N, C-alpha and C. Protein backbone atom coordinates (compact mmCIF):
# COMPACT_ATOMS: atom_id res chain seq x y z
N MET A 1 0.95 -1.00 -0.39
CA MET A 1 -0.17 -0.02 -0.22
C MET A 1 0.97 1.26 0.10
N LYS A 2 0.80 2.18 -0.71
CA LYS A 2 1.42 3.86 -1.15
C LYS A 2 1.28 4.46 0.34
N GLY A 3 1.92 4.52 0.44
CA GLY A 3 1.60 5.41 1.60
C GLY A 3 0.69 6.95 1.51
N LEU A 4 0.47 7.34 3.35
CA LEU A 4 0.21 9.03 2.53
C LEU A 4 0.57 10.11 2.84
N LYS A 5 1.10 11.08 2.01
CA LYS A 5 1.73 12.30 2.31
C LYS A 5 0.97 13.48 2.59
N LEU A 6 1.03 14.25 3.72
CA LEU A 6 0.49 15.26 4.35
C LEU A 6 1.38 16.68 4.24
N SER A 7 0.72 17.75 3.55
CA SER A 7 1.38 19.10 3.70
C SER A 7 0.71 20.18 3.27
N ILE A 8 1.20 20.55 4.16
CA ILE A 8 0.06 21.94 4.64
C ILE A 8 1.43 23.56 4.06
N LYS A 9 0.45 24.00 3.56
CA LYS A 9 1.33 25.01 3.44
C LYS A 9 0.38 26.53 3.84
N PRO A 10 0.88 28.12 3.28
CA PRO A 10 0.48 28.72 3.36
C PRO A 10 -0.09 28.82 2.07
N LYS A 11 -1.71 29.40 2.09
CA LYS A 11 -1.85 30.14 0.58
C LYS A 11 -0.77 31.07 -0.12
N ARG A 12 -0.90 32.21 0.77
CA ARG A 12 -0.01 33.49 0.77
C ARG A 12 0.87 33.34 2.19
N GLU A 13 1.22 34.56 1.66
CA GLU A 13 2.85 34.66 3.46
C GLU A 13 1.29 35.79 3.31
N PRO A 14 1.72 35.78 5.41
CA PRO A 14 0.73 36.75 5.81
C PRO A 14 2.15 38.11 6.15
N SER A 15 1.69 39.45 5.52
CA SER A 15 2.45 40.46 6.02
C SER A 15 2.21 40.50 7.70
N GLU A 16 3.59 41.40 8.35
CA GLU A 16 4.13 41.10 9.00
C GLU A 16 3.14 41.50 10.16
N GLY A 17 3.53 41.19 11.53
CA GLY A 17 2.00 40.86 12.65
C GLY A 17 1.32 40.41 11.78
N GLN A 18 0.92 40.44 10.71
CA GLN A 18 -0.52 38.76 10.71
C GLN A 18 -0.43 38.10 10.72
N SER A 19 -1.33 37.51 11.75
CA SER A 19 -1.23 35.63 11.76
C SER A 19 -2.82 35.20 10.57
N LEU A 20 -2.55 33.90 9.65
CA LEU A 20 -3.06 33.46 8.72
C LEU A 20 -4.41 32.32 9.85
N ASN A 21 -6.39 32.69 8.74
CA ASN A 21 -7.00 31.90 9.71
C ASN A 21 -6.27 30.37 9.43
N SER A 22 -7.46 29.46 9.48
CA SER A 22 -6.73 28.08 9.32
C SER A 22 -7.52 28.19 7.78
N SER A 23 -8.32 28.81 6.95
CA SER A 23 -8.49 28.88 5.69
C SER A 23 -7.21 29.03 5.00
N GLY A 24 -6.26 29.76 5.58
CA GLY A 24 -4.78 30.35 4.48
C GLY A 24 -4.11 29.74 4.35
N TYR A 25 -4.78 28.01 4.74
CA TYR A 25 -3.77 27.23 4.64
C TYR A 25 -3.88 25.90 3.44
N SER A 26 -3.18 25.83 2.61
CA SER A 26 -3.82 24.78 1.70
C SER A 26 -3.34 23.35 2.41
N ILE A 27 -3.74 22.63 2.84
CA ILE A 27 -3.52 21.08 3.09
C ILE A 27 -3.99 20.02 2.17
N LYS A 28 -3.65 19.51 1.47
CA LYS A 28 -2.82 18.68 0.60
C LYS A 28 -2.85 16.50 1.63
N ILE A 29 -3.34 15.45 0.68
CA ILE A 29 -3.27 15.03 0.96
C ILE A 29 -3.40 13.51 -0.20
N ASN A 30 -2.10 13.91 -0.31
CA ASN A 30 -0.81 13.20 -1.49
C ASN A 30 -1.47 14.15 -2.78
N ASP A 31 -2.02 14.19 -3.40
CA ASP A 31 -2.52 15.02 -4.71
C ASP A 31 -3.42 15.42 -4.77
N TRP A 32 -4.56 15.37 -3.14
CA TRP A 32 -6.16 15.50 -3.10
C TRP A 32 -5.63 16.51 -2.58
N GLU A 33 -6.49 17.94 -2.01
CA GLU A 33 -6.45 19.32 -1.66
C GLU A 33 -8.03 19.17 -0.97
N LEU A 34 -7.76 19.11 0.35
CA LEU A 34 -8.92 19.42 0.32
C LEU A 34 -9.81 21.32 1.12
N GLY A 35 -10.91 20.99 0.48
CA GLY A 35 -11.73 21.88 0.36
C GLY A 35 -12.74 22.14 0.57
N ARG A 36 -14.17 22.71 -0.08
CA ARG A 36 -15.31 22.31 0.39
C ARG A 36 -15.75 21.11 0.62
N GLY A 37 -16.81 21.67 1.77
CA GLY A 37 -16.65 20.49 2.35
C GLY A 37 -16.41 20.19 3.77
N VAL A 38 -15.42 20.11 3.92
CA VAL A 38 -14.22 20.32 5.01
C VAL A 38 -14.67 21.26 6.33
N THR A 39 -15.17 20.45 6.97
CA THR A 39 -15.81 21.34 8.82
C THR A 39 -14.60 21.11 9.64
N ASP A 40 -13.81 20.48 9.63
CA ASP A 40 -12.73 20.42 10.45
C ASP A 40 -11.09 19.71 10.61
N PHE A 41 -10.29 20.00 10.60
CA PHE A 41 -9.36 18.91 10.42
C PHE A 41 -8.20 19.03 11.92
N LYS A 42 -7.61 18.39 12.67
CA LYS A 42 -7.04 17.93 13.65
C LYS A 42 -5.59 17.16 13.00
N LEU A 43 -4.60 17.64 13.72
CA LEU A 43 -3.47 17.16 13.37
C LEU A 43 -2.89 16.64 15.60
N GLU A 44 -2.35 15.75 15.31
CA GLU A 44 -2.20 15.38 16.36
C GLU A 44 -0.82 14.81 16.35
N MET A 45 0.46 15.45 16.59
CA MET A 45 1.77 14.84 16.75
C MET A 45 1.96 14.37 18.68
N SER A 46 1.97 12.98 19.23
CA SER A 46 1.74 13.20 20.41
C SER A 46 3.83 12.67 20.13
N ALA A 47 4.77 13.09 21.57
CA ALA A 47 5.44 12.37 21.13
C ALA A 47 5.92 10.73 21.31
N GLY A 48 6.62 10.91 20.25
CA GLY A 48 6.63 9.01 20.41
C GLY A 48 5.70 8.62 19.84
N LYS A 49 5.11 9.07 19.22
CA LYS A 49 4.04 8.57 18.69
C LYS A 49 3.37 8.80 16.90
N LYS A 50 2.95 8.18 15.98
CA LYS A 50 3.07 8.69 14.60
C LYS A 50 2.19 10.04 14.47
N PRO A 51 2.45 10.76 13.74
CA PRO A 51 1.07 12.01 13.70
C PRO A 51 0.01 11.22 13.51
N LYS A 52 -1.33 11.71 13.61
CA LYS A 52 -2.68 10.96 13.44
C LYS A 52 -3.35 12.33 12.54
N ALA A 53 -4.19 12.39 11.17
CA ALA A 53 -4.93 13.89 10.89
C ALA A 53 -6.33 12.88 10.88
N THR A 54 -7.10 13.66 11.59
CA THR A 54 -9.50 13.44 11.34
C THR A 54 -9.22 14.49 10.27
N ILE A 55 -10.12 14.51 9.23
CA ILE A 55 -10.79 14.76 9.01
C ILE A 55 -12.10 15.13 8.71
N THR A 56 -13.18 15.68 9.46
CA THR A 56 -14.53 16.32 9.90
C THR A 56 -14.90 16.91 8.22
N PHE A 57 -16.09 15.83 7.10
CA PHE A 57 -16.33 16.84 6.12
C PHE A 57 -17.49 16.91 5.89
N THR A 58 -19.08 18.05 5.04
CA THR A 58 -20.29 17.29 5.10
C THR A 58 -20.38 16.95 3.40
N PRO A 59 -20.38 15.98 2.76
CA PRO A 59 -20.23 15.65 1.64
C PRO A 59 -21.80 15.70 1.30
N SER A 60 -22.03 16.13 0.11
CA SER A 60 -23.09 17.27 -0.90
C SER A 60 -23.66 15.88 -1.04
N VAL A 61 -23.01 14.84 -1.88
CA VAL A 61 -23.81 13.50 -2.19
C VAL A 61 -23.81 12.32 -1.50
N THR A 62 -24.72 11.17 -1.41
CA THR A 62 -23.85 9.80 -0.37
C THR A 62 -24.36 9.19 -1.32
N ASP A 63 -23.74 8.13 -1.53
CA ASP A 63 -23.83 7.15 -2.64
C ASP A 63 -23.43 5.85 -1.51
N VAL A 64 -24.75 4.91 -1.13
CA VAL A 64 -23.33 3.92 -0.07
C VAL A 64 -24.86 3.00 -0.50
N ASP A 65 -24.51 1.41 -1.30
CA ASP A 65 -25.02 -0.11 -1.69
C ASP A 65 -25.86 -0.15 -0.07
N GLU A 66 -27.14 -0.43 -0.81
CA GLU A 66 -28.20 -1.50 0.51
C GLU A 66 -28.39 -0.66 1.89
N MET A 67 -27.76 0.81 1.00
CA MET A 67 -28.04 2.44 2.42
C MET A 67 -29.97 2.07 2.67
N MET A 68 -30.41 1.67 1.54
CA MET A 68 -32.12 1.37 2.26
C MET A 68 -32.25 1.28 3.67
N ALA A 69 -31.34 -0.65 2.81
CA ALA A 69 -32.18 -1.18 4.32
C ALA A 69 -31.44 -0.74 5.49
N VAL A 70 -30.62 -0.46 5.45
CA VAL A 70 -30.32 0.25 6.96
C VAL A 70 -31.09 1.01 7.42
N VAL A 71 -31.49 1.65 6.70
CA VAL A 71 -32.12 3.40 7.16
C VAL A 71 -33.63 2.50 7.39
N GLY A 72 -33.88 2.19 6.63
CA GLY A 72 -35.04 1.20 6.86
C GLY A 72 -35.46 0.06 8.50
N LEU A 73 -33.59 0.02 9.18
CA LEU A 73 -33.67 -0.76 9.86
C LEU A 73 -33.82 0.07 11.35
N GLN A 74 -33.26 1.23 11.27
CA GLN A 74 -32.74 2.21 12.15
C GLN A 74 -34.62 2.95 12.38
N THR A 75 -35.11 3.62 11.21
CA THR A 75 -36.69 3.37 11.32
C THR A 75 -38.06 2.63 12.01
N SER A 76 -37.34 1.21 11.99
CA SER A 76 -38.52 0.92 12.70
C SER A 76 -37.92 0.29 14.03
N MET A 77 -36.87 0.08 14.00
CA MET A 77 -36.19 0.10 15.93
C MET A 77 -36.95 1.50 16.95
N SER A 78 -36.43 2.42 15.88
CA SER A 78 -36.80 3.61 16.74
C SER A 78 -38.08 4.02 16.80
N GLU A 79 -39.23 3.22 15.89
CA GLU A 79 -40.49 2.90 16.85
C GLU A 79 -40.90 2.44 17.48
N LEU A 80 -39.83 1.09 17.56
CA LEU A 80 -40.06 0.35 18.79
C LEU A 80 -39.99 0.99 20.15
N ASN A 81 -39.39 2.02 20.23
CA ASN A 81 -38.50 2.84 21.33
C ASN A 81 -40.07 3.49 21.71
N GLU A 82 -40.81 4.49 20.75
CA GLU A 82 -41.82 5.06 20.78
C GLU A 82 -42.90 4.26 21.65
């Protein structure tokens, strides 16, 4: 399996005394740049451990095979608890 490369770079250099918000950085995983739909990005770099990145996003479209059966089951179970 090919390893993942995480790149974090400023989109532009801040002027003196200015800091960048999180949106001022370009974040790439291999050749894929995080963008629209990403609501949170966390990078943990604890001493003695491998770095861990967590990405939270809101997809515009969700396409999962057999999703209707799972949704139906969840609905049925919630109706039983009422």
